[in-house]
Amino acid sequence: MADREAVAKYFGKGVKISDLPGPENNDIERIAKAKVFDALDKAARKFLKSKGTKKQGYHKVQDGFALLKDIDPEKVCENSKHARRLRETLKSKLPDRR
C-alpha cells in the first residue's frame, strides 16, 4: 500500500487508487493486515471482472511476487520506518554493495 500507483497499474483500469488504503500518517505498518488483503482482493475482483473472467480474487503468492517487482522501494521506505531502518542497516553493514 506504500506504492498505491504500482498496485493500481498492476490491476489495471479495474481498480482506482482511491479504492486502496493509504499509509496512515506516513506509517504503512498502521494499516491492518486484514484491511490490506481485503483491498487487494477487491482490486483483483474488479480487475478480473473487467477482463470478463471468473472472480478469483487476490492470491498472495501469485500476485504478491508480481507486485513486488513493480513497487518503488523509495516509496516503501518513505512510508515504513521498519523498511527504512532495514535499508539503513544494510547500507551500513554492506557499504560496497548497492
N, C-alpha and C. Protein backbone atom coordinates (compact mmCIF):
# COMPACT_ATOMS: atom_id res chain seq x y z
N MET A 1 0.81 -1.19 0.00
CA MET A 1 0.00 0.00 0.00
C MET A 1 0.85 1.26 0.00
N ALA A 2 2.14 1.12 0.18
CA ALA A 2 3.02 2.28 0.15
C ALA A 2 3.14 2.85 -1.26
N ASP A 3 3.04 1.99 -2.26
CA ASP A 3 3.10 2.43 -3.65
C ASP A 3 1.78 2.07 -4.32
N ARG A 4 0.78 2.87 -4.01
CA ARG A 4 -0.58 2.60 -4.50
C ARG A 4 -0.65 2.70 -6.01
N GLU A 5 0.19 3.53 -6.61
CA GLU A 5 0.20 3.67 -8.07
C GLU A 5 0.63 2.35 -8.73
N ALA A 6 1.61 1.67 -8.15
CA ALA A 6 2.07 0.39 -8.69
C ALA A 6 0.97 -0.67 -8.58
N VAL A 7 0.24 -0.65 -7.47
CA VAL A 7 -0.86 -1.60 -7.29
C VAL A 7 -1.96 -1.33 -8.32
N ALA A 8 -2.30 -0.05 -8.50
CA ALA A 8 -3.33 0.31 -9.47
C ALA A 8 -2.89 -0.06 -10.89
N LYS A 9 -1.62 0.15 -11.19
CA LYS A 9 -1.09 -0.20 -12.51
C LYS A 9 -1.16 -1.71 -12.72
N TYR A 10 -0.81 -2.47 -11.70
CA TYR A 10 -0.83 -3.94 -11.80
C TYR A 10 -2.23 -4.45 -12.10
N PHE A 11 -3.23 -3.91 -11.40
CA PHE A 11 -4.60 -4.37 -11.58
C PHE A 11 -5.31 -3.67 -12.73
N GLY A 12 -4.70 -2.66 -13.31
CA GLY A 12 -5.26 -2.01 -14.49
C GLY A 12 -6.46 -1.15 -14.19
N LYS A 13 -7.24 -0.91 -15.24
CA LYS A 13 -8.36 0.01 -15.13
C LYS A 13 -9.49 -0.50 -14.24
N GLY A 14 -9.39 -1.72 -13.77
CA GLY A 14 -10.43 -2.26 -12.91
C GLY A 14 -10.39 -1.73 -11.49
N VAL A 15 -9.33 -1.00 -11.14
CA VAL A 15 -9.21 -0.50 -9.77
C VAL A 15 -8.80 0.97 -9.79
N LYS A 16 -9.29 1.69 -8.80
CA LYS A 16 -8.90 3.09 -8.63
C LYS A 16 -8.02 3.20 -7.39
N ILE A 17 -7.09 4.13 -7.42
CA ILE A 17 -6.22 4.34 -6.27
C ILE A 17 -7.05 4.64 -5.02
N SER A 18 -8.15 5.33 -5.18
CA SER A 18 -8.99 5.67 -4.02
C SER A 18 -9.61 4.43 -3.38
N ASP A 19 -9.61 3.29 -4.09
CA ASP A 19 -10.12 2.04 -3.51
C ASP A 19 -9.15 1.43 -2.52
N LEU A 20 -7.90 1.88 -2.55
CA LEU A 20 -6.86 1.27 -1.75
C LEU A 20 -6.57 2.10 -0.50
N PRO A 21 -6.33 1.44 0.64
CA PRO A 21 -5.99 2.21 1.84
C PRO A 21 -4.60 2.82 1.69
N GLY A 22 -4.47 4.03 2.17
CA GLY A 22 -3.18 4.71 2.11
C GLY A 22 -2.48 4.63 3.44
N PRO A 23 -1.20 4.93 3.46
CA PRO A 23 -0.46 4.92 4.73
C PRO A 23 -1.06 5.94 5.69
N GLU A 24 -1.24 5.51 6.91
CA GLU A 24 -1.79 6.41 7.93
C GLU A 24 -0.64 7.16 8.58
N ASN A 25 -0.63 8.48 8.40
CA ASN A 25 0.44 9.32 8.94
C ASN A 25 1.82 8.86 8.47
N ASN A 26 1.91 8.50 7.18
CA ASN A 26 3.16 8.00 6.59
C ASN A 26 3.72 6.80 7.35
N ASP A 27 2.84 5.96 7.86
CA ASP A 27 3.27 4.76 8.58
C ASP A 27 2.46 3.57 8.08
N ILE A 28 3.01 2.89 7.10
CA ILE A 28 2.32 1.79 6.43
C ILE A 28 2.00 0.65 7.39
N GLU A 29 2.79 0.50 8.45
CA GLU A 29 2.56 -0.58 9.40
C GLU A 29 1.26 -0.40 10.19
N ARG A 30 0.69 0.77 10.16
CA ARG A 30 -0.56 1.02 10.90
C ARG A 30 -1.80 0.48 10.17
N ILE A 31 -1.65 0.11 8.92
CA ILE A 31 -2.78 -0.46 8.19
C ILE A 31 -2.90 -1.93 8.60
N ALA A 32 -4.07 -2.31 9.06
CA ALA A 32 -4.29 -3.69 9.48
C ALA A 32 -4.11 -4.64 8.30
N LYS A 33 -3.47 -5.77 8.56
CA LYS A 33 -3.22 -6.76 7.52
C LYS A 33 -4.52 -7.17 6.82
N ALA A 34 -5.58 -7.36 7.61
CA ALA A 34 -6.87 -7.75 7.04
C ALA A 34 -7.39 -6.69 6.07
N LYS A 35 -7.16 -5.41 6.39
CA LYS A 35 -7.60 -4.32 5.52
C LYS A 35 -6.81 -4.33 4.21
N VAL A 36 -5.52 -4.63 4.29
CA VAL A 36 -4.68 -4.70 3.09
C VAL A 36 -5.15 -5.83 2.19
N PHE A 37 -5.31 -7.03 2.76
CA PHE A 37 -5.74 -8.17 1.96
C PHE A 37 -7.14 -7.97 1.39
N ASP A 38 -8.02 -7.35 2.15
CA ASP A 38 -9.37 -7.08 1.66
C ASP A 38 -9.32 -6.12 0.47
N ALA A 39 -8.52 -5.06 0.57
CA ALA A 39 -8.40 -4.09 -0.52
C ALA A 39 -7.81 -4.74 -1.76
N LEU A 40 -6.78 -5.57 -1.59
CA LEU A 40 -6.17 -6.24 -2.73
C LEU A 40 -7.13 -7.25 -3.35
N ASP A 41 -7.91 -7.92 -2.52
CA ASP A 41 -8.89 -8.88 -3.04
C ASP A 41 -9.96 -8.16 -3.86
N LYS A 42 -10.45 -7.02 -3.34
CA LYS A 42 -11.44 -6.23 -4.10
C LYS A 42 -10.85 -5.74 -5.41
N ALA A 43 -9.60 -5.28 -5.37
CA ALA A 43 -8.94 -4.80 -6.58
C ALA A 43 -8.83 -5.92 -7.61
N ALA A 44 -8.44 -7.10 -7.14
CA ALA A 44 -8.30 -8.23 -8.06
C ALA A 44 -9.64 -8.63 -8.65
N ARG A 45 -10.68 -8.62 -7.84
CA ARG A 45 -12.00 -8.99 -8.35
C ARG A 45 -12.50 -7.98 -9.40
N LYS A 46 -12.27 -6.70 -9.15
CA LYS A 46 -12.66 -5.68 -10.13
C LYS A 46 -11.87 -5.87 -11.42
N PHE A 47 -10.58 -6.16 -11.29
CA PHE A 47 -9.72 -6.37 -12.45
C PHE A 47 -10.19 -7.58 -13.25
N LEU A 48 -10.43 -8.69 -12.56
CA LEU A 48 -10.84 -9.90 -13.25
C LEU A 48 -12.22 -9.74 -13.88
N LYS A 49 -13.10 -9.04 -13.17
CA LYS A 49 -14.45 -8.80 -13.71
C LYS A 49 -14.35 -7.95 -14.98
N SER A 50 -13.46 -6.94 -14.98
CA SER A 50 -13.31 -6.09 -16.16
C SER A 50 -12.72 -6.87 -17.33
N LYS A 51 -12.00 -7.95 -17.03
CA LYS A 51 -11.41 -8.81 -18.06
C LYS A 51 -12.40 -9.87 -18.55
N GLY A 52 -13.56 -9.95 -17.88
CA GLY A 52 -14.57 -10.93 -18.26
C GLY A 52 -14.28 -12.34 -17.77
N THR A 53 -13.42 -12.47 -16.77
CA THR A 53 -13.10 -13.78 -16.23
C THR A 53 -13.84 -14.00 -14.91
N LYS A 54 -13.79 -15.22 -14.44
CA LYS A 54 -14.44 -15.53 -13.17
C LYS A 54 -13.74 -14.78 -12.05
N LYS A 55 -14.51 -14.38 -11.06
CA LYS A 55 -13.94 -13.68 -9.91
C LYS A 55 -13.11 -14.65 -9.09
N GLN A 56 -11.81 -14.40 -8.99
CA GLN A 56 -10.95 -15.28 -8.22
C GLN A 56 -10.30 -14.55 -7.05
N GLY A 57 -10.18 -13.26 -7.11
CA GLY A 57 -9.60 -12.50 -6.02
C GLY A 57 -8.09 -12.46 -6.04
N TYR A 58 -7.54 -11.92 -4.98
CA TYR A 58 -6.10 -11.74 -4.82
C TYR A 58 -5.48 -13.02 -4.30
N HIS A 59 -4.37 -13.42 -4.89
CA HIS A 59 -3.62 -14.59 -4.42
C HIS A 59 -2.24 -14.11 -3.99
N LYS A 60 -1.95 -14.25 -2.71
CA LYS A 60 -0.73 -13.69 -2.13
C LYS A 60 0.53 -14.12 -2.87
N VAL A 61 0.65 -15.39 -3.21
CA VAL A 61 1.86 -15.88 -3.86
C VAL A 61 1.93 -15.42 -5.31
N GLN A 62 0.87 -15.66 -6.08
CA GLN A 62 0.89 -15.30 -7.50
C GLN A 62 0.94 -13.80 -7.71
N ASP A 63 0.07 -13.07 -7.04
CA ASP A 63 0.01 -11.62 -7.25
C ASP A 63 1.07 -10.88 -6.44
N GLY A 64 1.38 -11.38 -5.25
CA GLY A 64 2.33 -10.70 -4.38
C GLY A 64 3.70 -10.54 -5.00
N PHE A 65 4.23 -11.60 -5.57
CA PHE A 65 5.56 -11.51 -6.19
C PHE A 65 5.54 -10.63 -7.43
N ALA A 66 4.47 -10.70 -8.19
CA ALA A 66 4.36 -9.84 -9.38
C ALA A 66 4.30 -8.37 -8.97
N LEU A 67 3.61 -8.08 -7.89
CA LEU A 67 3.53 -6.71 -7.39
C LEU A 67 4.88 -6.22 -6.87
N LEU A 68 5.60 -7.08 -6.20
CA LEU A 68 6.89 -6.69 -5.61
C LEU A 68 7.88 -6.19 -6.65
N LYS A 69 7.84 -6.75 -7.85
CA LYS A 69 8.81 -6.32 -8.86
C LYS A 69 8.52 -4.91 -9.37
N ASP A 70 7.30 -4.41 -9.20
CA ASP A 70 6.93 -3.09 -9.69
C ASP A 70 6.91 -2.00 -8.63
N ILE A 71 6.94 -2.38 -7.37
CA ILE A 71 6.83 -1.42 -6.28
C ILE A 71 8.13 -0.64 -6.12
N ASP A 72 8.01 0.66 -5.97
CA ASP A 72 9.16 1.56 -5.80
C ASP A 72 9.67 1.47 -4.36
N PRO A 73 10.89 0.95 -4.16
CA PRO A 73 11.42 0.81 -2.80
C PRO A 73 11.53 2.14 -2.05
N GLU A 74 11.75 3.23 -2.78
CA GLU A 74 11.82 4.55 -2.12
C GLU A 74 10.48 4.90 -1.48
N LYS A 75 9.39 4.60 -2.17
CA LYS A 75 8.06 4.89 -1.60
C LYS A 75 7.81 4.03 -0.36
N VAL A 76 8.28 2.79 -0.41
CA VAL A 76 8.12 1.91 0.75
C VAL A 76 8.90 2.48 1.93
N CYS A 77 10.13 2.90 1.70
CA CYS A 77 10.96 3.46 2.78
C CYS A 77 10.41 4.78 3.30
N GLU A 78 9.76 5.56 2.44
CA GLU A 78 9.14 6.82 2.89
C GLU A 78 7.99 6.56 3.85
N ASN A 79 7.32 5.41 3.67
CA ASN A 79 6.11 5.13 4.43
C ASN A 79 6.27 4.02 5.47
N SER A 80 7.47 3.51 5.63
CA SER A 80 7.69 2.42 6.58
C SER A 80 8.99 2.64 7.35
N LYS A 81 8.85 2.89 8.63
CA LYS A 81 10.05 3.08 9.43
C LYS A 81 10.88 1.80 9.51
N HIS A 82 10.22 0.65 9.46
CA HIS A 82 10.94 -0.62 9.53
C HIS A 82 11.72 -0.88 8.24
N ALA A 83 11.13 -0.60 7.11
CA ALA A 83 11.84 -0.75 5.83
C ALA A 83 13.00 0.22 5.74
N ARG A 84 12.77 1.43 6.20
CA ARG A 84 13.81 2.46 6.19
C ARG A 84 14.99 2.03 7.08
N ARG A 85 14.68 1.50 8.26
CA ARG A 85 15.73 1.05 9.18
C ARG A 85 16.49 -0.15 8.59
N LEU A 86 15.78 -1.07 7.94
CA LEU A 86 16.42 -2.21 7.30
C LEU A 86 17.38 -1.74 6.20
N ARG A 87 16.92 -0.81 5.38
CA ARG A 87 17.77 -0.29 4.30
C ARG A 87 19.02 0.39 4.87
N GLU A 88 18.84 1.21 5.90
CA GLU A 88 19.98 1.90 6.51
C GLU A 88 20.96 0.92 7.15
N THR A 89 20.44 -0.11 7.79
CA THR A 89 21.29 -1.13 8.41
C THR A 89 22.08 -1.88 7.34
N LEU A 90 21.42 -2.27 6.28
CA LEU A 90 22.11 -2.98 5.19
C LEU A 90 23.17 -2.11 4.55
N LYS A 91 22.86 -0.84 4.35
CA LYS A 91 23.86 0.07 3.78
C LYS A 91 25.07 0.22 4.68
N SER A 92 24.85 0.28 5.99
CA SER A 92 25.98 0.45 6.91
C SER A 92 26.81 -0.83 7.03
N LYS A 93 26.16 -1.96 6.95
CA LYS A 93 26.87 -3.24 7.09
C LYS A 93 27.50 -3.71 5.78
N LEU A 94 26.92 -3.28 4.67
CA LEU A 94 27.40 -3.69 3.33
C LEU A 94 27.65 -2.46 2.47
N PRO A 95 28.61 -1.60 2.86
CA PRO A 95 28.79 -0.34 2.15
C PRO A 95 29.25 -0.50 0.69
N ASP A 96 29.87 -1.62 0.35
CA ASP A 96 30.36 -1.80 -1.02
C ASP A 96 29.29 -2.36 -1.96
N ARG A 97 28.11 -2.64 -1.45
CA ARG A 97 27.02 -3.18 -2.29
C ARG A 97 25.95 -2.14 -2.48
N ARG A 98 25.49 -2.01 -3.67
CA ARG A 98 24.42 -1.04 -3.98
C ARG A 98 23.37 -1.68 -4.80
